[in-house]
Amino acid sequence: PFGGPQQQPNRPQNEEQPHALGSGFVIDPSGYIVTNHHVIAQANEIKVKFQDEKELKAKLIGQDKLTDLALLKVESKEPLPYVKFADSDKSRVGHSVIAIGNPFGLGGTVTSGIISAFNRDINSGPYDSFIQTDASINKGNSGGPLFNLDGEVVGINSAIFSPSGGSVGIGFSIPANLAKPIIEQLRKFGKTQRGWLGVRIQEITPDIAKSLGLKDEEGVLISMVNPGEPAEKSGLKAGDVIIEFNGQKIKDVRSLQRTVAESAVESKAKVKVWRNRKFKNFTVKLGELEKFNEVAQSEEQKDEEVTSDELELDDIGLRLMGLNKQLRTKYNVPKNIKGVVITAVKKGSLAAKSGLNVGNVISQISQTEIKKPEDVKKIFDKAKKDKLESLLIQVYLDGFSRFLILKLQD
């Protein structure tokens, strides 16, 4: 069993301290043990009990909340029996699997089933890509191994879907190929070291793909580039569509997040983007995600006030003004956000139907940066002349930058 949360301050001294139970497995004869982060989170003491009833104290080497993994170390006089990871990419739906763990404190419990699906996203973190299995997994199985029939660990049991709290044949395991690099980093550094690009991204919709001249919806759209971060330094811009990263095709947001995270910190990555209806290639020296999360955001840029009269675009149903100190304060717009602010939206207009609202800041239209209201009018006049059906607009609101499609015809 593994230790649980710390004792409550007002708990009577003769009352038993709370403890949590979980599972784990040895990956090295010297005593390294893999389990889930949530099994040992907030524990002030961790103990490992083996199949032969031997019990040893364990030291926490490192943990990663984002993938729910933790690495422990015990000191044993003799080399410990251990298991090896499989290449989980070789597994297929329908393959037989065996789960071993400690459900409800019943150590050494073995259950069997098949792989039901791959790449399940259960909204537990940004790198969700679970193996789904119908092998019986219950409370206490967390952190235990999911074996293939060759006796190799294909996954780490982590979660279940259950209205009742018990097994209903829907369990989720972290794939071995996702876990291996994380475990290796925890072993070497005591923490993870993920690559960091420094962008905010969103999925490509059919309308966005059409407006950008893309043949399909593969790739991800950069909605914001963080000031002073690797992407900006390399020349990437909001509105770029990342098509490939280090030669790997990017299909969606999660594939880019995982690919970047698995890349070495300070390595040089080749990034292929779609910009202005052409492919462009960039080389980005990656930063470290953990360092970015630890330090404060880059110093905000100086406020550049734009003096302009309110401009009305009646055909679209918008009123716009250049950003100044008063408008930034009124609509809570940071100094690093550039563009024009929407001061009025006509009810039932094309702008309203497209989701534009008062307080939105328009930073970019059709991959062209907007600095003053006249820039917007110029683009809309040209779009009307060219009889375009829609325009791709980058807007900022409530701390987030995103792209939306403004339809120019009902």
Protein backbone atom coordinates (compact mmCIF):
# COMPACT_ATOMS: atom_id res chain seq x y z
CA PRO A 1 0.00 0.00 0.00
CA PHE A 2 1.03 3.58 -0.57
CA GLY A 3 0.88 6.35 2.03
CA GLY A 4 -1.96 8.86 1.90
CA PRO A 5 -2.66 12.47 2.82
CA GLN A 6 -1.20 14.24 5.81
CA GLN A 7 -2.88 13.94 9.21
CA GLN A 8 -5.52 16.56 9.99
CA PRO A 9 -4.42 19.10 12.66
CA ASN A 10 -7.37 18.39 15.00
CA ARG A 11 -7.33 14.61 14.63
CA PRO A 12 -7.15 12.77 18.00
CA GLN A 13 -3.75 11.20 18.63
CA ASN A 14 -5.19 7.71 19.12
CA GLU A 15 -7.14 7.84 15.85
CA GLU A 16 -5.57 6.04 12.91
CA GLN A 17 -4.01 8.31 10.29
CA PRO A 18 -5.69 8.28 6.88
CA HIS A 19 -3.97 6.29 4.17
CA ALA A 20 -4.46 5.58 0.50
CA LEU A 21 -3.98 2.35 -1.40
CA GLY A 22 -2.70 1.96 -4.92
CA SER A 23 -0.59 -0.21 -7.18
CA GLY A 24 2.77 0.01 -8.87
CA PHE A 25 5.44 -2.09 -10.57
CA VAL A 26 9.23 -2.41 -10.49
CA ILE A 27 11.03 -1.41 -13.72
CA ASP A 28 14.63 -1.91 -12.57
CA PRO A 29 16.31 -4.46 -10.26
CA SER A 30 17.84 -1.60 -8.26
CA GLY A 31 14.36 -0.65 -7.01
CA TYR A 32 12.74 1.95 -9.28
CA ILE A 33 8.95 1.71 -9.15
CA VAL A 34 6.31 3.33 -11.37
CA THR A 35 2.88 4.39 -10.10
CA ASN A 36 0.33 7.17 -10.62
CA HIS A 37 0.86 10.72 -9.39
CA HIS A 38 -2.60 10.76 -7.80
CA VAL A 39 -1.76 7.65 -5.74
CA ILE A 40 1.10 9.35 -3.86
CA ALA A 41 0.02 13.00 -4.08
CA GLN A 42 0.37 14.79 -0.70
CA ALA A 43 1.71 11.64 0.99
CA ASN A 44 4.09 12.24 3.90
CA GLU A 45 5.18 8.59 3.93
CA ILE A 46 5.17 5.98 1.17
CA LYS A 47 5.49 2.25 1.76
CA VAL A 48 5.64 -0.53 -0.80
CA LYS A 49 4.45 -4.04 -0.03
CA PHE A 50 5.65 -6.82 -2.32
CA GLN A 51 4.05 -10.13 -3.26
CA ASP A 52 6.19 -11.97 -0.68
CA GLU A 53 4.80 -9.64 2.05
CA LYS A 54 8.12 -7.76 2.30
CA GLU A 55 7.52 -4.07 3.03
CA LEU A 56 9.97 -1.26 2.22
CA LYS A 57 9.88 2.50 2.57
CA ALA A 58 9.95 4.33 -0.75
CA LYS A 59 11.48 7.65 -1.73
CA LEU A 60 9.71 9.87 -4.25
CA ILE A 61 12.13 10.51 -7.13
CA GLY A 62 9.80 12.64 -9.22
CA GLN A 63 6.21 13.12 -10.30
CA ASP A 64 4.32 14.59 -13.23
CA LYS A 65 0.78 15.78 -12.66
CA LEU A 66 0.09 16.39 -16.37
CA THR A 67 0.46 12.70 -17.26
CA ASP A 68 -0.40 11.35 -13.78
CA LEU A 69 2.91 9.51 -13.39
CA ALA A 70 5.29 9.15 -10.45
CA LEU A 71 8.62 7.38 -9.95
CA LEU A 72 9.61 5.87 -6.60
CA LYS A 73 12.80 4.21 -5.34
CA VAL A 74 13.21 1.54 -2.67
CA GLU A 75 16.47 0.20 -1.25
CA SER A 76 16.65 -3.59 -1.29
CA LYS A 77 19.50 -5.87 -0.26
CA GLU A 78 18.82 -8.17 -3.20
CA PRO A 79 18.04 -7.27 -6.83
CA LEU A 80 14.29 -7.06 -7.34
CA PRO A 81 12.29 -8.88 -10.02
CA TYR A 82 11.19 -6.33 -12.61
CA VAL A 83 9.10 -5.94 -15.74
CA LYS A 84 9.79 -4.31 -19.10
CA PHE A 85 7.75 -1.84 -21.11
CA ALA A 86 6.25 -2.94 -24.42
CA ASP A 87 6.11 -0.91 -27.63
CA SER A 88 2.49 0.14 -27.15
CA ASP A 89 2.26 1.41 -30.74
CA LYS A 90 2.36 -2.23 -31.88
CA SER A 91 -0.76 -3.10 -29.88
CA ARG A 92 -4.09 -3.32 -31.67
CA VAL A 93 -7.76 -3.12 -30.74
CA GLY A 94 -8.89 -6.61 -29.74
CA HIS A 95 -5.51 -7.71 -28.36
CA SER A 96 -5.76 -9.53 -25.02
CA VAL A 97 -4.44 -7.76 -21.92
CA ILE A 98 -4.04 -8.57 -18.23
CA ALA A 99 -4.33 -6.08 -15.36
CA ILE A 100 -2.60 -6.76 -12.04
CA GLY A 101 -3.09 -4.58 -9.00
CA ASN A 102 -4.38 -3.95 -5.52
CA PRO A 103 -8.14 -3.26 -5.87
CA PHE A 104 -9.77 -2.51 -2.51
CA GLY A 105 -6.55 -3.67 -0.82
CA LEU A 106 -6.74 -7.15 -2.37
CA GLY A 107 -3.09 -7.33 -3.47
CA GLY A 108 -2.04 -9.42 -6.45
CA THR A 109 -5.48 -9.41 -8.08
CA VAL A 110 -5.35 -10.42 -11.75
CA THR A 111 -8.09 -9.55 -14.26
CA SER A 112 -8.17 -9.96 -18.02
CA GLY A 113 -9.80 -8.35 -21.03
CA ILE A 114 -9.03 -6.81 -24.38
CA ILE A 115 -7.95 -3.44 -25.71
CA SER A 116 -11.20 -1.66 -26.59
CA ALA A 117 -9.81 1.54 -28.13
CA PHE A 118 -6.81 3.86 -28.37
CA ASN A 119 -6.23 7.62 -28.04
CA ARG A 120 -9.07 8.22 -25.61
CA ASP A 121 -9.33 11.79 -24.32
CA ILE A 122 -11.03 11.89 -20.91
CA ASN A 123 -10.19 15.55 -20.20
CA SER A 124 -7.77 14.75 -17.40
CA GLY A 125 -4.86 16.67 -18.94
CA PRO A 126 -3.37 18.16 -22.12
CA TYR A 127 -1.63 14.92 -23.10
CA ASP A 128 -4.57 12.52 -22.79
CA SER A 129 -4.15 9.56 -25.14
CA PHE A 130 -5.39 6.62 -23.09
CA ILE A 131 -5.72 2.95 -23.95
CA GLN A 132 -9.28 1.84 -23.17
CA THR A 133 -9.72 -1.69 -21.84
CA ASP A 134 -12.56 -3.83 -20.52
CA ALA A 135 -10.27 -5.64 -18.05
CA SER A 136 -11.79 -5.12 -14.61
CA ILE A 137 -10.14 -2.09 -12.96
CA ASN A 138 -11.31 -0.78 -9.58
CA LYS A 139 -10.21 1.57 -6.81
CA GLY A 140 -6.71 0.54 -5.81
CA ASN A 141 -5.71 -0.60 -9.30
CA SER A 142 -4.33 2.87 -10.06
CA GLY A 143 -0.65 2.76 -10.96
CA GLY A 144 -0.67 -0.96 -11.71
CA PRO A 145 0.52 -2.54 -14.96
CA LEU A 146 -1.55 -3.57 -17.96
CA PHE A 147 0.30 -6.48 -19.58
CA ASN A 148 0.21 -7.91 -23.06
CA LEU A 149 0.45 -11.69 -23.48
CA ASP A 150 4.25 -11.42 -23.79
CA GLY A 151 4.42 -10.24 -20.18
CA GLU A 152 5.39 -6.68 -21.14
CA VAL A 153 3.76 -3.55 -19.75
CA VAL A 154 1.64 -2.01 -22.48
CA GLY A 155 -0.03 0.53 -20.19
CA ILE A 156 -0.35 1.94 -16.67
CA ASN A 157 -3.85 1.68 -15.22
CA SER A 158 -4.97 5.15 -14.27
CA ALA A 159 -8.72 5.78 -14.39
CA ILE A 160 -12.15 4.23 -14.86
CA PHE A 161 -15.49 5.42 -16.13
CA SER A 162 -18.09 4.37 -13.60
CA PRO A 163 -21.45 5.81 -12.52
CA SER A 164 -21.38 3.49 -9.48
CA GLY A 165 -17.71 3.73 -8.47
CA GLY A 166 -17.02 0.10 -9.40
CA SER A 167 -15.83 -1.46 -12.64
CA VAL A 168 -18.26 -1.40 -15.55
CA GLY A 169 -15.75 -2.56 -18.14
CA ILE A 170 -14.42 0.85 -19.14
CA GLY A 171 -10.91 1.44 -17.83
CA PHE A 172 -8.13 3.70 -19.05
CA SER A 173 -4.37 3.11 -19.11
CA ILE A 174 -1.48 5.43 -19.93
CA PRO A 175 0.28 3.96 -23.00
CA ALA A 176 3.80 2.67 -22.39
CA ASN A 177 5.22 4.78 -25.22
CA LEU A 178 3.82 7.95 -23.64
CA ALA A 179 5.09 6.97 -20.18
CA LYS A 180 8.63 5.86 -21.07
CA PRO A 181 10.16 9.28 -21.88
CA ILE A 182 8.45 10.83 -18.84
CA ILE A 183 9.77 8.11 -16.52
CA GLU A 184 13.27 8.52 -17.98
CA GLN A 185 13.18 12.28 -17.34
CA LEU A 186 11.98 11.77 -13.76
CA ARG A 187 14.81 9.30 -13.24
CA LYS A 188 17.48 11.63 -14.66
CA PHE A 189 16.30 15.04 -13.45
CA GLY A 190 13.65 14.40 -10.78
CA LYS A 191 11.19 16.37 -12.92
CA THR A 192 9.97 16.62 -16.48
CA GLN A 193 11.65 18.83 -19.09
CA ARG A 194 9.19 19.45 -21.90
CA GLY A 195 9.81 21.37 -25.06
CA TRP A 196 8.06 24.75 -25.27
CA LEU A 197 7.05 26.63 -28.40
CA GLY A 198 5.31 29.62 -26.82
CA VAL A 199 2.04 29.81 -28.76
CA ARG A 200 -1.67 29.44 -28.22
CA ILE A 201 -3.35 27.25 -30.80
CA GLN A 202 -6.79 26.20 -31.98
CA GLU A 203 -8.32 23.61 -34.29
CA ILE A 204 -8.93 24.27 -37.99
CA THR A 205 -12.63 24.33 -38.87
CA PRO A 206 -13.94 23.85 -42.43
CA ASP A 207 -14.73 27.58 -42.66
CA ILE A 208 -11.26 28.57 -41.45
CA ALA A 209 -9.61 26.12 -43.87
CA LYS A 210 -11.62 27.57 -46.75
CA SER A 211 -10.78 31.17 -45.85
CA LEU A 212 -7.05 30.36 -45.70
CA GLY A 213 -7.04 28.40 -48.95
CA LEU A 214 -6.27 25.05 -47.27
CA LYS A 215 -7.43 21.86 -48.98
CA ASP A 216 -8.32 20.10 -45.71
CA GLU A 217 -8.58 20.76 -41.97
CA GLU A 218 -5.25 19.25 -40.93
CA GLY A 219 -2.81 21.39 -38.99
CA VAL A 220 -3.41 23.83 -36.14
CA LEU A 221 -3.92 27.58 -36.22
CA ILE A 222 -1.72 29.85 -34.09
CA SER A 223 -4.11 32.22 -32.32
CA MET A 224 -1.47 34.02 -30.25
CA VAL A 225 2.33 34.15 -30.05
CA ASN A 226 3.72 34.80 -26.57
CA PRO A 227 6.07 37.81 -26.50
CA GLY A 228 9.74 36.91 -26.14
CA GLU A 229 9.15 33.16 -26.45
CA PRO A 230 10.73 30.73 -28.98
CA ALA A 231 8.00 30.99 -31.63
CA GLU A 232 8.16 34.79 -31.79
CA LYS A 233 11.96 34.78 -31.88
CA SER A 234 11.92 32.43 -34.86
CA GLY A 235 9.41 34.52 -36.84
CA LEU A 236 6.18 32.58 -36.33
CA LYS A 237 3.05 34.76 -36.23
CA ALA A 238 -0.57 34.56 -35.18
CA GLY A 239 -2.55 33.33 -38.17
CA ASP A 240 0.11 30.84 -39.25
CA VAL A 241 -1.08 27.25 -39.62
CA ILE A 242 1.42 24.68 -38.35
CA ILE A 243 1.37 21.80 -40.85
CA GLU A 244 4.47 19.85 -39.79
CA PHE A 245 6.74 19.78 -36.75
CA ASN A 246 10.13 18.07 -37.15
CA GLY A 247 8.83 16.21 -40.18
CA GLN A 248 5.72 14.90 -38.41
CA LYS A 249 2.35 15.90 -39.83
CA ILE A 250 0.21 17.77 -37.33
CA LYS A 251 -3.44 16.71 -37.42
CA ASP A 252 -4.87 18.49 -34.39
CA VAL A 253 -4.08 20.49 -31.25
CA ARG A 254 -3.22 17.46 -29.10
CA SER A 255 -0.81 16.02 -31.65
CA LEU A 256 1.18 19.29 -31.65
CA GLN A 257 1.10 19.58 -27.85
CA ARG A 258 2.45 16.06 -27.44
CA THR A 259 5.04 16.33 -30.23
CA VAL A 260 6.46 19.60 -28.88
CA ALA A 261 6.42 18.36 -25.28
CA GLU A 262 8.38 15.23 -26.23
CA SER A 263 11.05 17.29 -28.01
CA ALA A 264 14.31 18.08 -26.22
CA VAL A 265 14.64 21.45 -24.51
CA GLU A 266 16.91 23.83 -26.50
CA SER A 267 16.79 21.54 -29.54
CA LYS A 268 16.23 23.13 -32.95
CA ALA A 269 12.88 22.14 -34.42
CA LYS A 270 11.86 22.40 -38.07
CA VAL A 271 8.38 23.91 -38.38
CA LYS A 272 6.42 24.03 -41.63
CA VAL A 273 3.58 26.56 -41.73
CA TRP A 274 0.94 27.82 -44.14
CA ARG A 275 1.04 31.62 -44.43
CA ASN A 276 -0.58 33.85 -47.04
CA ARG A 277 -1.50 30.78 -49.11
CA LYS A 278 2.11 29.58 -49.27
CA PHE A 279 4.21 27.08 -47.32
CA LYS A 280 7.07 28.54 -45.27
CA ASN A 281 9.72 26.81 -43.17
CA PHE A 282 11.12 28.01 -39.85
CA THR A 283 13.70 26.74 -37.37
CA VAL A 284 12.72 27.20 -33.72
CA LYS A 285 15.02 26.74 -30.74
CA LEU A 286 12.65 25.25 -28.18
CA GLY A 287 12.35 26.54 -24.62
CA GLU A 288 11.33 24.64 -21.48
CA LEU A 289 7.66 24.49 -20.51
CA GLU A 290 8.38 24.05 -16.81
CA LYS A 291 10.59 27.16 -16.68
CA PHE A 292 7.94 29.19 -18.48
CA ASN A 293 5.36 28.10 -15.91
CA GLU A 294 7.66 28.98 -13.02
CA VAL A 295 8.65 32.49 -14.03
CA ALA A 296 6.44 35.53 -14.49
CA GLN A 297 5.29 36.52 -17.94
CA SER A 298 7.64 38.66 -20.02
CA GLU A 299 7.57 42.36 -19.22
CA GLU A 300 4.66 43.98 -20.98
CA GLN A 301 5.43 46.17 -23.96
CA LYS A 302 4.96 49.92 -23.76
CA ASP A 303 1.44 51.10 -24.42
CA GLU A 304 1.16 52.53 -27.90
CA GLU A 305 -1.87 54.79 -27.97
CA VAL A 306 -3.74 55.07 -31.24
CA THR A 307 -5.65 58.31 -31.65
CA SER A 308 -8.61 57.88 -33.97
CA ASP A 309 -12.25 58.80 -34.34
CA GLU A 310 -14.92 56.13 -34.11
CA LEU A 311 -15.37 54.45 -37.49
CA GLU A 312 -18.65 52.83 -38.51
CA LEU A 313 -18.89 49.94 -40.98
CA ASP A 314 -22.62 49.91 -41.65
CA ASP A 315 -22.65 46.95 -44.07
CA ILE A 316 -21.07 44.73 -41.42
CA GLY A 317 -22.72 46.31 -38.39
CA LEU A 318 -19.60 47.43 -36.50
CA ARG A 319 -18.18 50.53 -34.86
CA LEU A 320 -14.43 50.57 -34.21
CA MET A 321 -11.88 52.71 -32.39
CA GLY A 322 -8.11 52.61 -32.06
CA LEU A 323 -6.85 51.30 -28.72
CA ASN A 324 -5.85 53.92 -26.16
CA LYS A 325 -5.27 53.90 -22.42
CA GLN A 326 -8.91 54.58 -21.55
CA LEU A 327 -10.26 51.82 -23.80
CA ARG A 328 -7.65 49.34 -22.54
CA THR A 329 -8.80 50.03 -18.99
CA LYS A 330 -12.50 49.91 -19.89
CA TYR A 331 -12.27 46.56 -21.71
CA ASN A 332 -9.37 45.08 -19.70
CA VAL A 333 -7.02 44.78 -22.69
CA PRO A 334 -3.32 44.05 -21.88
CA LYS A 335 -0.61 46.31 -23.27
CA ASN A 336 0.83 43.60 -25.51
CA ILE A 337 -2.44 43.22 -27.45
CA LYS A 338 -2.56 45.37 -30.59
CA GLY A 339 -5.45 46.20 -32.89
CA VAL A 340 -8.78 48.04 -32.81
CA VAL A 341 -11.59 47.65 -30.31
CA ILE A 342 -15.25 47.06 -31.18
CA THR A 343 -17.35 49.77 -29.51
CA ALA A 344 -20.75 48.79 -30.94
CA VAL A 345 -22.35 45.84 -32.76
CA LYS A 346 -25.65 46.26 -34.60
CA LYS A 347 -28.27 43.70 -33.57
CA GLY A 348 -28.91 41.09 -36.27
CA SER A 349 -25.96 42.27 -38.36
CA LEU A 350 -23.36 40.08 -40.08
CA ALA A 351 -20.93 40.95 -37.27
CA ALA A 352 -23.41 39.90 -34.58
CA LYS A 353 -24.23 36.63 -36.37
CA SER A 354 -20.51 35.83 -36.60
CA GLY A 355 -20.06 36.17 -32.84
CA LEU A 356 -18.35 39.56 -32.61
CA ASN A 357 -19.12 41.53 -29.45
CA VAL A 358 -18.44 44.92 -27.89
CA GLY A 359 -15.01 44.89 -26.24
CA ASN A 360 -13.50 42.42 -28.72
CA VAL A 361 -10.16 43.57 -30.08
CA ILE A 362 -9.59 42.83 -33.76
CA SER A 363 -5.86 42.16 -34.13
CA GLN A 364 -5.71 40.57 -37.55
CA ILE A 365 -7.87 40.01 -40.62
CA SER A 366 -6.93 37.45 -43.26
CA GLN A 367 -3.41 37.24 -41.79
CA THR A 368 -2.94 41.02 -42.07
CA GLU A 369 -2.16 42.91 -38.86
CA ILE A 370 -4.61 45.64 -37.87
CA LYS A 371 -3.28 48.87 -36.33
CA LYS A 372 -6.11 51.37 -36.89
CA PRO A 373 -9.81 51.31 -37.89
CA GLU A 374 -8.97 52.44 -41.43
CA ASP A 375 -7.04 49.17 -41.92
CA VAL A 376 -10.26 47.26 -41.30
CA LYS A 377 -12.27 49.40 -43.72
CA LYS A 378 -9.66 48.94 -46.43
CA ILE A 379 -9.77 45.14 -46.10
CA PHE A 380 -13.59 45.03 -46.03
CA ASP A 381 -13.86 47.28 -49.09
CA LYS A 382 -11.49 45.01 -51.02
CA ALA A 383 -13.34 41.88 -49.86
CA LYS A 384 -16.63 43.40 -51.06
CA LYS A 385 -15.09 44.30 -54.42
CA ASP A 386 -13.66 40.77 -54.79
CA LYS A 387 -17.05 39.30 -53.75
CA LEU A 388 -15.52 37.19 -50.98
CA GLU A 389 -17.91 35.07 -48.92
CA SER A 390 -16.04 35.39 -45.61
CA LEU A 391 -12.96 36.69 -43.81
CA LEU A 392 -10.81 35.14 -41.08
CA ILE A 393 -10.62 37.47 -38.07
CA GLN A 394 -8.41 37.25 -34.98
CA VAL A 395 -10.10 38.68 -31.89
CA TYR A 396 -9.04 39.07 -28.26
CA LEU A 397 -11.47 38.85 -25.33
CA ASP A 398 -11.21 37.96 -21.63
CA GLY A 399 -7.59 36.87 -21.71
CA PHE A 400 -7.80 34.72 -24.83
CA SER A 401 -7.05 35.26 -28.49
CA ARG A 402 -8.97 33.22 -31.05
CA PHE A 403 -9.94 33.18 -34.70
CA LEU A 404 -13.46 33.24 -36.08
CA ILE A 405 -15.08 33.48 -39.49
CA LEU A 406 -16.97 36.65 -40.40
CA LYS A 407 -19.44 35.80 -43.16
CA LEU A 408 -19.90 38.69 -45.58
CA GLN A 409 -23.15 37.39 -47.05
CA ASP A 410 -26.37 36.16 -45.45
